[in-house]
Amino acid sequence: MTTRAPRRRTETRRRLLDAALEVFAEEGFGRSTVEQVCERAGYTRGAFYSNFASLDELFLAMWEQRSAAMIDALRAAFEEAGTDEVADVRAAVELLLPAIPVDEAWYRVSAEFTAHALRNPSLKRMVTDREDTIVEALMPCLEGLLSRAGRTVPDRAALGQALIAVHDGTTGQCLLEPDDPVVWRRRTELAVHVVTAYTRSVQ
């Protein structure tokens, strides 16, 4: 009985999160309602409010879930590289960049939520804290690869912010022109330039 209840709760949260992403992507975060999410997930409002206090809280849980998946993918890419030497910054970027998803539905929803958070000081702080947490989790993988390429990171916070800006900006461009290989190559080139600019040679 005690085992089944947590499993049921986990499944309820999963279905609500999956439904919310679909609803937010279709309707827009600002126009979505709890009722729409519940209808898509097949649950009542009671089920929603036993798991989340608001759509804001649900979105932050969704972001945490997706961030954890991305971090796991980056760590897996890092582990696959083993202890082999990394030739240069480009090799490090080309190893890790494919593990960062370019997802149209998530891009639309997260961009709308960021705009929403800018109007709410407490949410703005939460978004900033979440980005800082992601950077802190990702940086050891990047630093580990860069050290094999003979590079060191003097200011990890600055590099983290720069890489978030690269990802957010180039994701929009790639989604607007998904079949243009030049746009995707420029994403890689920009990441290489930024990492090079924010690191130093250890020699």
Protein backbone atom coordinates (compact mmCIF):
# COMPACT_ATOMS: atom_id res chain seq x y z
CA MET A 1 0.00 0.00 0.00
CA THR A 2 2.76 2.45 0.97
CA THR A 3 4.76 1.47 -2.13
CA ARG A 4 1.82 1.86 -4.51
CA ALA A 5 0.93 5.37 -3.30
CA PRO A 6 4.32 6.96 -4.12
CA ARG A 7 4.29 5.20 -7.50
CA ARG A 8 0.83 6.52 -8.24
CA ARG A 9 1.89 10.02 -7.22
CA THR A 10 4.99 9.80 -9.43
CA GLU A 11 2.87 8.69 -12.39
CA THR A 12 0.35 11.48 -11.77
CA ARG A 13 3.13 14.10 -11.73
CA ARG A 14 4.69 12.65 -14.88
CA ARG A 15 1.41 12.77 -16.79
CA LEU A 16 0.68 16.30 -15.62
CA LEU A 17 4.16 17.46 -16.68
CA ASP A 18 3.85 15.80 -20.09
CA ALA A 19 0.38 17.26 -20.62
CA ALA A 20 1.50 20.71 -19.52
CA LEU A 21 4.31 20.84 -22.07
CA GLU A 22 1.84 20.02 -24.85
CA VAL A 23 -0.72 22.57 -23.65
CA PHE A 24 1.85 25.33 -23.06
CA ALA A 25 3.42 24.76 -26.48
CA GLU A 26 0.05 24.82 -28.25
CA GLU A 27 -1.75 27.56 -26.32
CA GLY A 28 1.11 29.65 -24.94
CA PHE A 29 2.05 29.70 -21.27
CA GLY A 30 0.11 32.89 -20.51
CA ARG A 31 -3.11 31.56 -22.07
CA SER A 32 -3.00 28.07 -20.58
CA THR A 33 -5.15 27.06 -17.63
CA VAL A 34 -5.06 24.40 -14.95
CA GLU A 35 -8.27 22.98 -16.45
CA GLN A 36 -6.63 22.52 -19.87
CA VAL A 37 -3.67 20.69 -18.34
CA CYS A 38 -5.94 18.46 -16.26
CA GLU A 39 -8.14 17.63 -19.26
CA ARG A 40 -5.10 16.71 -21.37
CA ALA A 41 -3.65 14.55 -18.57
CA GLY A 42 -6.99 12.94 -17.71
CA TYR A 43 -7.07 14.18 -14.11
CA THR A 44 -9.20 16.45 -11.92
CA ARG A 45 -8.18 19.81 -10.47
CA GLY A 46 -7.80 18.00 -7.16
CA ALA A 47 -5.08 15.80 -8.61
CA PHE A 48 -3.33 18.88 -9.96
CA TYR A 49 -3.39 20.81 -6.69
CA SER A 50 -2.25 17.80 -4.68
CA ASN A 51 0.97 17.96 -6.73
CA PHE A 52 1.45 21.62 -7.70
CA ALA A 53 0.40 24.90 -6.13
CA SER A 54 0.23 26.71 -9.48
CA LEU A 55 1.18 26.58 -13.16
CA ASP A 56 4.36 28.46 -12.23
CA GLU A 57 5.37 25.69 -9.85
CA LEU A 58 4.52 23.07 -12.46
CA PHE A 59 6.71 24.82 -15.04
CA LEU A 60 9.64 24.99 -12.60
CA ALA A 61 9.27 21.26 -11.93
CA MET A 62 9.23 20.66 -15.69
CA TRP A 63 12.39 22.74 -16.06
CA GLU A 64 14.10 20.82 -13.26
CA GLN A 65 13.17 17.52 -14.94
CA ARG A 66 14.50 18.60 -18.34
CA SER A 67 17.64 20.10 -16.82
CA ALA A 68 18.40 16.83 -15.03
CA ALA A 69 17.99 14.90 -18.29
CA MET A 70 20.33 17.29 -20.12
CA ILE A 71 22.94 17.09 -17.36
CA ASP A 72 22.78 13.28 -17.47
CA ALA A 73 23.29 13.37 -21.26
CA LEU A 74 26.29 15.68 -20.94
CA ARG A 75 27.85 13.53 -18.23
CA ALA A 76 27.33 10.47 -20.43
CA ALA A 77 29.09 12.24 -23.33
CA PHE A 78 31.93 13.18 -20.98
CA GLU A 79 32.25 9.60 -19.73
CA GLU A 80 32.24 8.24 -23.29
CA ALA A 81 35.26 10.43 -24.01
CA GLY A 82 37.09 8.43 -21.32
CA THR A 83 40.56 9.69 -20.52
CA ASP A 84 41.58 10.28 -24.12
CA GLU A 85 43.34 13.52 -24.90
CA VAL A 86 41.12 16.24 -26.36
CA ALA A 87 42.89 17.97 -29.25
CA ASP A 88 41.50 21.47 -28.76
CA VAL A 89 38.51 23.60 -27.76
CA ARG A 90 36.63 22.60 -30.91
CA ALA A 91 36.94 18.91 -30.03
CA ALA A 92 35.53 19.58 -26.54
CA VAL A 93 32.62 21.61 -27.92
CA GLU A 94 31.81 19.03 -30.62
CA LEU A 95 31.73 16.33 -27.96
CA LEU A 96 29.32 18.10 -25.63
CA LEU A 97 27.17 20.33 -27.86
CA PRO A 98 25.11 17.49 -29.44
CA ALA A 99 24.00 16.44 -25.94
CA ILE A 100 22.22 19.80 -25.47
CA PRO A 101 18.76 19.46 -27.05
CA VAL A 102 17.32 21.90 -29.56
CA ASP A 103 13.60 21.39 -28.94
CA GLU A 104 11.02 23.70 -30.52
CA ALA A 105 8.20 23.03 -28.04
CA TRP A 106 10.45 23.59 -25.05
CA TYR A 107 12.03 26.68 -26.61
CA ARG A 108 8.63 28.30 -27.13
CA VAL A 109 7.44 27.48 -23.62
CA SER A 110 10.65 28.50 -21.83
CA ALA A 111 10.89 31.79 -23.76
CA GLU A 112 7.31 32.65 -22.75
CA PHE A 113 7.95 31.70 -19.14
CA THR A 114 11.09 33.86 -19.05
CA ALA A 115 9.03 36.84 -20.24
CA HIS A 116 6.43 36.02 -17.57
CA ALA A 117 9.15 35.77 -14.88
CA LEU A 118 10.52 39.20 -15.80
CA ARG A 119 7.26 40.68 -14.47
CA ASN A 120 7.54 38.79 -11.18
CA PRO A 121 10.57 39.48 -8.92
CA SER A 122 10.37 36.18 -7.00
CA LEU A 123 10.08 34.15 -10.20
CA LYS A 124 12.93 36.13 -11.73
CA ARG A 125 15.15 35.09 -8.83
CA MET A 126 14.08 31.45 -9.21
CA VAL A 127 14.94 31.47 -12.93
CA THR A 128 18.35 32.97 -12.19
CA ASP A 129 19.01 30.42 -9.45
CA ARG A 130 17.97 27.56 -11.73
CA GLU A 131 20.35 28.72 -14.46
CA ASP A 132 23.16 29.01 -11.91
CA THR A 133 22.45 25.46 -10.72
CA ILE A 134 22.58 24.13 -14.29
CA VAL A 135 25.89 25.90 -14.95
CA GLU A 136 27.40 24.53 -11.73
CA ALA A 137 26.34 21.01 -12.69
CA LEU A 138 27.63 21.26 -16.28
CA MET A 139 30.91 23.04 -15.68
CA PRO A 140 32.88 20.07 -14.28
CA CYS A 141 32.28 18.15 -17.54
CA LEU A 142 33.39 21.07 -19.68
CA GLU A 143 36.36 21.89 -17.45
CA GLY A 144 37.42 18.24 -17.49
CA LEU A 145 37.48 18.16 -21.28
CA LEU A 146 39.14 21.58 -21.59
CA SER A 147 41.90 20.57 -19.19
CA ARG A 148 42.79 17.74 -21.58
CA ALA A 149 42.97 20.34 -24.34
CA GLY A 150 45.37 22.44 -22.27
CA ARG A 151 42.81 25.11 -21.30
CA THR A 152 41.68 26.43 -17.93
CA VAL A 153 38.55 28.39 -16.95
CA PRO A 154 39.40 31.50 -14.89
CA ASP A 155 35.77 32.58 -14.38
CA ARG A 156 33.28 29.74 -14.63
CA ALA A 157 30.27 31.99 -13.92
CA ALA A 158 31.15 34.27 -16.85
CA LEU A 159 31.68 31.32 -19.18
CA GLY A 160 28.41 29.77 -18.02
CA GLN A 161 26.41 32.92 -18.73
CA ALA A 162 28.06 33.30 -22.12
CA LEU A 163 27.23 29.72 -23.07
CA ILE A 164 23.59 30.15 -21.99
CA ALA A 165 23.42 33.21 -24.26
CA VAL A 166 24.94 31.22 -27.13
CA HIS A 167 22.51 28.35 -26.63
CA ASP A 168 19.41 30.53 -26.35
CA GLY A 169 20.31 32.73 -29.32
CA THR A 170 21.42 30.01 -31.71
CA THR A 171 18.53 27.71 -30.76
CA GLY A 172 16.09 30.30 -32.11
CA GLN A 173 18.07 30.60 -35.33
CA CYS A 174 18.32 26.81 -35.78
CA LEU A 175 14.60 26.36 -35.20
CA LEU A 176 13.76 29.07 -37.74
CA GLU A 177 15.96 27.42 -40.37
CA PRO A 178 16.19 23.77 -39.28
CA ASP A 179 17.25 22.43 -42.68
CA ASP A 180 20.09 24.90 -43.25
CA PRO A 181 23.40 23.22 -42.30
CA VAL A 182 25.17 26.60 -42.33
CA VAL A 183 23.08 27.80 -39.36
CA TRP A 184 23.96 24.68 -37.38
CA ARG A 185 27.66 25.06 -38.23
CA ARG A 186 27.55 28.66 -37.04
CA ARG A 187 26.11 27.46 -33.72
CA THR A 188 29.18 25.28 -33.25
CA GLU A 189 31.57 28.01 -34.44
CA LEU A 190 30.10 30.56 -32.03
CA ALA A 191 30.37 28.12 -29.13
CA VAL A 192 34.02 27.45 -30.01
CA HIS A 193 34.81 31.19 -30.16
CA VAL A 194 33.07 31.86 -26.84
CA VAL A 195 34.78 29.00 -25.01
CA THR A 196 38.15 30.07 -26.43
CA ALA A 197 37.55 33.68 -25.35
CA TYR A 198 36.60 32.72 -21.79
CA THR A 199 39.42 30.23 -21.20
CA ARG A 200 43.21 30.42 -21.05
CA SER A 201 46.03 28.18 -22.14
CA VAL A 202 47.75 26.43 -19.22
CA GLN A 203 51.10 26.60 -21.06
